[in-house]
Amino acid sequence: MNPGVPRSTGVLPAIRSIFADVLGDDDDPIPVLPAGLPDCVRPVAADAVHRLIDYQGPGYAQLYVARLRRFIGRRNVDDAAFAEITRLMAARMAYDDAIRMAQLKLAEAEAGQGVPPDDVRKLRLDELVSLLPETAADYALWILQYPGWLHLPVTMRFSAAGRLRRRRLRIEASLKRWRLSSFRYARERAWVEHWLHMIDRSLTKQPAAVAAVVATAEMVRGHGDGYARSLKDWNLIVDHLIKPTLDGALSCPDLAGAITEARAAVSSDPRQESLKRVIAGIRERVGAGARASAPVLPNPT
């Protein structure tokens, strides 16, 4: 097995994992924290490993540890920034989906403190479809976009009141074995790698902006429309401020300040008009379009 890479990355491995789970057979070793982690980072990383084992399994926690290793001994990574990378990466890898909601409600019910109140969550149809394996999800999403159903709201109730509802929660939570084969996981994996790549480049190009680049992960959270909107906001800031600056297409010596200013303009507006205006103003102020390769900001109107 390749250390740090989850085994369950296809349909057949997922099926095998389901049967292994039923039989109580799990041969993935619990990862060991690597040497060289700062003292203030180790407890954060240890908690994250336990969280990700609960979320998905030891193999997934190994991926987390492998991602941490790339920052050990790196120049311009102070302990505070490393601790934030450690914390936020775990939060993003344990992203909210219907499977996780069932896991948490089931754990709450099994804590032996009475029947917990129901959780009612408003998700979106494309969010649920994205739990399918990539090939199936691609086809389903392609079909759903024609009648305009991709963003239809779907209300889900997670309840542990009664034997049948708990059984349903167990079934929903057991679907975590399919998670790493899903379309959603492929997108989340790409997002984390994109975020880490921006941190890598900032360490070299703009060390003073590293903490601000790391902190952008706080923007992407939740589920449903809120999650989709936060992801769009993050992409807008990365594509039109962070990446152009690190590429040299935008002359922005105070990238950290620009990120902070842009984040302050984030609102609940799905059209992102305020954020687009602020980013356009920053680009104009610092001489945006230093080269023709700089991306064109979408018109806020």
Protein backbone atom coordinates (compact mmCIF):
# COMPACT_ATOMS: atom_id res chain seq x y z
CA MET A 1 0.00 0.00 0.00
CA ASN A 2 1.25 3.50 -0.82
CA PRO A 3 1.50 5.32 2.53
CA GLY A 4 -0.67 8.39 2.78
CA VAL A 5 -3.05 7.42 0.00
CA PRO A 6 -6.50 6.02 0.85
CA ARG A 7 -7.10 2.56 -0.51
CA SER A 8 -10.76 3.12 -1.34
CA THR A 9 -10.53 5.10 -4.57
CA GLY A 10 -12.75 2.97 -6.80
CA VAL A 11 -16.04 1.13 -6.79
CA LEU A 12 -14.63 -2.36 -6.23
CA PRO A 13 -12.39 -1.31 -3.32
CA ALA A 14 -15.41 0.42 -1.80
CA ILE A 15 -17.45 -2.80 -2.04
CA ARG A 16 -14.63 -4.75 -0.44
CA SER A 17 -14.39 -2.14 2.31
CA ILE A 18 -18.09 -2.46 3.08
CA PHE A 19 -17.75 -6.21 3.62
CA ALA A 20 -14.55 -5.68 5.60
CA ASP A 21 -16.40 -3.22 7.83
CA VAL A 22 -19.24 -5.71 8.43
CA LEU A 23 -16.71 -8.38 9.36
CA GLY A 24 -14.80 -5.98 11.59
CA ASP A 25 -11.65 -6.36 9.46
CA ASP A 26 -9.56 -3.20 9.01
CA ASP A 27 -5.90 -3.58 8.12
CA ASP A 28 -5.10 0.12 7.69
CA PRO A 29 -2.56 1.13 10.33
CA ILE A 30 -3.20 4.23 12.41
CA PRO A 31 -0.74 6.86 11.17
CA VAL A 32 2.10 8.04 13.35
CA LEU A 33 2.75 11.76 13.53
CA PRO A 34 5.98 12.58 11.71
CA ALA A 35 9.09 13.83 13.44
CA GLY A 36 9.79 17.51 13.10
CA LEU A 37 6.32 18.83 13.90
CA PRO A 38 6.51 21.88 16.19
CA ASP A 39 5.41 21.19 19.76
CA CYS A 40 2.37 23.46 19.43
CA VAL A 41 1.28 21.62 16.27
CA ARG A 42 1.45 18.05 17.57
CA PRO A 43 -1.70 18.13 19.76
CA VAL A 44 -3.65 19.79 16.92
CA ALA A 45 -2.45 17.14 14.50
CA ALA A 46 -3.20 14.31 16.96
CA ASP A 47 -6.77 15.53 17.43
CA ALA A 48 -7.13 15.84 13.64
CA VAL A 49 -5.96 12.26 13.09
CA HIS A 50 -8.57 10.95 15.55
CA ARG A 51 -11.24 13.08 13.89
CA LEU A 52 -10.40 11.84 10.38
CA ILE A 53 -10.26 8.20 11.51
CA ASP A 54 -13.79 8.65 12.84
CA TYR A 55 -14.80 10.51 9.68
CA GLN A 56 -13.41 8.03 7.16
CA GLY A 57 -10.78 5.65 8.53
CA PRO A 58 -7.04 5.27 9.16
CA GLY A 59 -6.17 5.38 5.45
CA TYR A 60 -7.74 8.81 5.15
CA ALA A 61 -5.83 10.00 8.21
CA GLN A 62 -2.64 8.78 6.52
CA LEU A 63 -3.36 11.12 3.61
CA TYR A 64 -3.69 13.97 6.09
CA VAL A 65 -0.33 13.16 7.69
CA ALA A 66 1.31 12.91 4.27
CA ARG A 67 0.01 16.38 3.40
CA LEU A 68 1.40 17.75 6.67
CA ARG A 69 4.87 16.43 5.92
CA ARG A 70 5.34 18.82 3.01
CA PHE A 71 5.53 21.76 5.45
CA ILE A 72 7.96 20.27 7.96
CA GLY A 73 11.17 22.27 7.91
CA ARG A 74 9.88 24.65 5.25
CA ARG A 75 11.31 28.12 5.27
CA ASN A 76 8.88 30.92 6.17
CA VAL A 77 6.44 28.57 7.96
CA ASP A 78 6.26 29.75 11.55
CA ASP A 79 4.60 27.67 14.26
CA ALA A 80 1.38 29.69 14.21
CA ALA A 81 0.94 29.30 10.46
CA PHE A 82 1.75 25.58 10.67
CA ALA A 83 -0.83 25.13 13.43
CA GLU A 84 -3.47 26.86 11.29
CA ILE A 85 -2.63 24.71 8.26
CA THR A 86 -2.95 21.66 10.51
CA ARG A 87 -6.32 22.74 11.93
CA LEU A 88 -7.93 24.03 8.75
CA MET A 89 -6.81 21.12 6.60
CA ALA A 90 -8.51 18.69 8.99
CA ALA A 91 -11.67 20.79 8.94
CA ARG A 92 -11.76 20.82 5.15
CA MET A 93 -10.99 17.09 4.83
CA ALA A 94 -13.90 16.37 7.21
CA TYR A 95 -16.30 18.29 5.00
CA ASP A 96 -20.03 18.37 5.61
CA ASP A 97 -22.09 15.90 3.60
CA ALA A 98 -25.22 13.87 4.29
CA ILE A 99 -23.09 10.91 5.35
CA ARG A 100 -21.30 12.99 7.97
CA MET A 101 -24.58 14.40 9.24
CA ALA A 102 -25.82 10.85 9.80
CA GLN A 103 -22.53 9.88 11.48
CA LEU A 104 -22.73 12.76 13.94
CA LYS A 105 -26.39 12.22 14.77
CA LEU A 106 -25.76 8.49 15.32
CA ALA A 107 -22.78 9.23 17.60
CA GLU A 108 -24.92 11.69 19.54
CA ALA A 109 -27.64 9.07 19.95
CA GLU A 110 -25.19 6.39 21.09
CA ALA A 111 -23.58 8.66 23.68
CA GLY A 112 -26.24 7.44 26.14
CA GLN A 113 -27.62 10.86 27.08
CA GLY A 114 -31.19 10.37 25.93
CA VAL A 115 -32.70 10.86 22.49
CA PRO A 116 -31.11 13.89 20.81
CA PRO A 117 -33.34 16.39 18.98
CA ASP A 118 -33.80 15.93 15.26
CA ASP A 119 -31.54 17.79 12.84
CA VAL A 120 -33.27 19.22 9.77
CA ARG A 121 -30.82 20.20 7.04
CA LYS A 122 -31.48 21.96 3.75
CA LEU A 123 -29.25 20.47 1.09
CA ARG A 124 -29.28 20.73 -2.70
CA LEU A 125 -30.04 18.05 -5.26
CA ASP A 126 -26.61 18.37 -6.89
CA GLU A 127 -25.05 18.00 -3.43
CA LEU A 128 -26.76 14.63 -2.92
CA VAL A 129 -26.06 13.43 -6.46
CA SER A 130 -22.38 14.25 -5.94
CA LEU A 131 -22.22 11.42 -3.37
CA LEU A 132 -22.49 8.96 -6.26
CA PRO A 133 -19.36 7.50 -7.89
CA GLU A 134 -17.82 9.95 -10.36
CA THR A 135 -19.06 8.32 -13.57
CA ALA A 136 -22.64 7.98 -12.36
CA ALA A 137 -22.66 11.47 -10.85
CA ASP A 138 -21.33 13.04 -14.05
CA TYR A 139 -24.16 11.49 -16.05
CA ALA A 140 -26.85 12.36 -13.47
CA LEU A 141 -25.68 15.97 -13.13
CA TRP A 142 -25.61 16.33 -16.91
CA ILE A 143 -29.23 15.18 -17.11
CA LEU A 144 -30.41 17.34 -14.21
CA GLN A 145 -28.98 20.55 -15.58
CA TYR A 146 -31.37 20.61 -18.57
CA PRO A 147 -34.61 21.06 -16.61
CA GLY A 148 -32.75 23.36 -14.19
CA TRP A 149 -33.02 20.97 -11.24
CA LEU A 150 -29.39 20.99 -10.10
CA HIS A 151 -29.96 23.52 -7.33
CA LEU A 152 -33.34 22.28 -6.16
CA PRO A 153 -33.55 22.32 -2.33
CA VAL A 154 -33.83 18.97 -0.57
CA THR A 155 -34.80 18.88 3.11
CA MET A 156 -33.36 15.96 5.06
CA ARG A 157 -34.25 15.02 8.61
CA PHE A 158 -31.67 13.18 10.72
CA SER A 159 -33.46 11.58 13.62
CA ALA A 160 -32.57 8.97 16.24
CA ALA A 161 -36.07 8.80 17.70
CA GLY A 162 -36.98 5.14 17.46
CA ARG A 163 -35.40 1.91 16.29
CA LEU A 164 -36.23 2.35 12.60
CA ARG A 165 -34.80 5.85 12.44
CA ARG A 166 -31.61 4.74 14.14
CA ARG A 167 -31.32 1.89 11.67
CA ARG A 168 -31.68 4.40 8.85
CA LEU A 169 -28.91 6.51 10.40
CA ARG A 170 -26.64 3.46 10.55
CA ILE A 171 -27.28 2.72 6.88
CA GLU A 172 -26.61 6.34 5.90
CA ALA A 173 -23.46 6.50 8.04
CA SER A 174 -22.17 3.22 6.57
CA LEU A 175 -22.10 4.89 3.15
CA LYS A 176 -18.85 6.54 4.22
CA ARG A 177 -17.17 3.53 2.61
CA TRP A 178 -18.26 4.95 -0.76
CA ARG A 179 -17.21 8.49 0.02
CA LEU A 180 -13.72 8.28 -1.50
CA SER A 181 -15.22 7.02 -4.77
CA SER A 182 -17.64 9.91 -5.04
CA PHE A 183 -17.75 12.91 -7.31
CA ARG A 184 -17.87 15.16 -4.24
CA TYR A 185 -14.66 13.69 -2.82
CA ALA A 186 -12.85 14.24 -6.12
CA ARG A 187 -13.80 17.91 -5.99
CA GLU A 188 -12.87 18.27 -2.31
CA ARG A 189 -9.52 16.55 -2.87
CA ALA A 190 -8.77 18.95 -5.75
CA TRP A 191 -9.81 21.92 -3.58
CA VAL A 192 -7.47 20.97 -0.73
CA GLU A 193 -4.58 20.46 -3.13
CA HIS A 194 -5.27 23.83 -4.79
CA TRP A 195 -5.28 25.55 -1.39
CA LEU A 196 -2.04 23.83 -0.36
CA HIS A 197 -0.47 24.79 -3.70
CA MET A 198 -1.35 28.46 -3.10
CA ILE A 199 0.31 28.21 0.33
CA ASP A 200 3.39 26.58 -1.22
CA ARG A 201 3.72 29.37 -3.77
CA SER A 202 3.11 32.09 -1.22
CA LEU A 203 5.94 30.74 0.92
CA THR A 204 8.28 31.44 -1.97
CA LYS A 205 6.73 34.49 -3.62
CA GLN A 206 5.06 36.41 -0.76
CA PRO A 207 6.00 35.03 2.68
CA ALA A 208 4.24 37.93 4.40
CA ALA A 209 0.92 36.76 2.92
CA VAL A 210 1.18 33.12 4.02
CA ALA A 211 -1.08 33.49 7.06
CA ALA A 212 -3.75 35.27 5.00
CA VAL A 213 -3.63 32.62 2.28
CA VAL A 214 -3.90 29.85 4.88
CA ALA A 215 -6.86 31.57 6.56
CA THR A 216 -8.89 31.64 3.33
CA ALA A 217 -9.83 28.02 4.06
CA GLU A 218 -12.15 29.38 6.77
CA MET A 219 -14.32 30.80 3.99
CA VAL A 220 -15.41 27.41 2.65
CA ARG A 221 -17.77 25.65 5.01
CA GLY A 222 -21.26 24.33 5.59
CA HIS A 223 -23.64 22.74 3.15
CA GLY A 224 -26.38 23.60 0.68
CA ASP A 225 -26.54 27.07 -0.85
CA GLY A 226 -24.19 28.50 1.79
CA TYR A 227 -21.45 26.04 0.89
CA ALA A 228 -21.84 26.66 -2.85
CA ARG A 229 -21.72 30.42 -2.34
CA SER A 230 -18.65 30.26 -0.07
CA LEU A 231 -16.82 28.15 -2.62
CA LYS A 232 -17.57 30.69 -5.37
CA ASP A 233 -16.30 33.52 -3.14
CA TRP A 234 -13.09 31.63 -2.40
CA ASN A 235 -12.48 30.92 -6.08
CA LEU A 236 -13.06 34.56 -6.98
CA ILE A 237 -10.43 35.76 -4.49
CA VAL A 238 -7.94 33.08 -5.50
CA ASP A 239 -8.42 33.45 -9.26
CA HIS A 240 -8.37 37.25 -9.35
CA LEU A 241 -6.09 38.25 -6.48
CA ILE A 242 -3.93 35.46 -5.08
CA LYS A 243 -2.98 33.47 -8.17
CA PRO A 244 -2.37 36.49 -10.47
CA THR A 245 -0.12 38.02 -7.80
CA LEU A 246 1.88 34.83 -7.32
CA ASP A 247 2.09 34.41 -11.10
CA GLY A 248 3.47 37.94 -11.45
CA ALA A 249 0.51 39.04 -13.57
CA LEU A 250 -0.68 41.40 -10.83
CA SER A 251 1.61 43.73 -8.89
CA CYS A 252 0.21 43.52 -5.36
CA PRO A 253 3.00 43.94 -2.78
CA ASP A 254 0.54 43.76 0.15
CA LEU A 255 -1.29 40.60 -0.84
CA ALA A 256 -2.26 39.88 2.77
CA GLY A 257 -3.99 43.26 3.04
CA ALA A 258 -5.75 42.73 -0.29
CA ILE A 259 -7.06 39.33 0.84
CA THR A 260 -8.33 40.81 4.10
CA GLU A 261 -10.04 43.65 2.24
CA ALA A 262 -11.67 41.26 -0.21
CA ARG A 263 -12.87 38.90 2.51
CA ALA A 264 -14.51 41.82 4.32
CA ALA A 265 -16.63 42.37 1.19
CA VAL A 266 -18.01 38.82 1.15
CA SER A 267 -21.77 38.79 1.65
CA SER A 268 -24.76 36.53 1.16
CA ASP A 269 -25.34 37.97 -2.32
CA PRO A 270 -25.19 35.02 -4.77
CA ARG A 271 -24.19 37.46 -7.54
CA GLN A 272 -21.11 38.55 -5.54
CA GLU A 273 -21.54 42.17 -6.64
CA SER A 274 -19.85 43.74 -3.60
CA LEU A 275 -16.94 41.30 -3.68
CA LYS A 276 -16.41 41.81 -7.41
CA ARG A 277 -16.40 45.60 -7.01
CA VAL A 278 -13.84 45.45 -4.19
CA ILE A 279 -11.56 43.09 -6.11
CA ALA A 280 -11.83 45.28 -9.22
CA GLY A 281 -10.93 48.30 -7.08
CA ILE A 282 -7.89 46.54 -5.61
CA ARG A 283 -6.70 45.49 -9.06
CA GLU A 284 -7.11 49.01 -10.39
CA ARG A 285 -5.34 50.52 -7.38
CA VAL A 286 -2.28 48.27 -7.66
CA GLY A 287 -2.06 48.48 -11.42
CA ALA A 288 -3.96 45.36 -12.38
CA GLY A 289 -3.36 43.90 -15.76
CA ALA A 290 0.40 44.23 -15.47
CA ARG A 291 0.48 41.72 -18.25
CA ALA A 292 -2.10 40.49 -20.72
CA SER A 293 -2.14 37.14 -18.93
CA ALA A 294 -4.00 38.60 -15.93
CA PRO A 295 -7.54 37.12 -15.78
CA VAL A 296 -10.48 39.34 -16.55
CA LEU A 297 -12.79 39.90 -13.60
CA PRO A 298 -16.45 39.08 -14.28
CA ASN A 299 -18.67 42.14 -14.61
CA PRO A 300 -20.43 42.68 -11.24
CA THR A 301 -23.55 43.93 -13.02
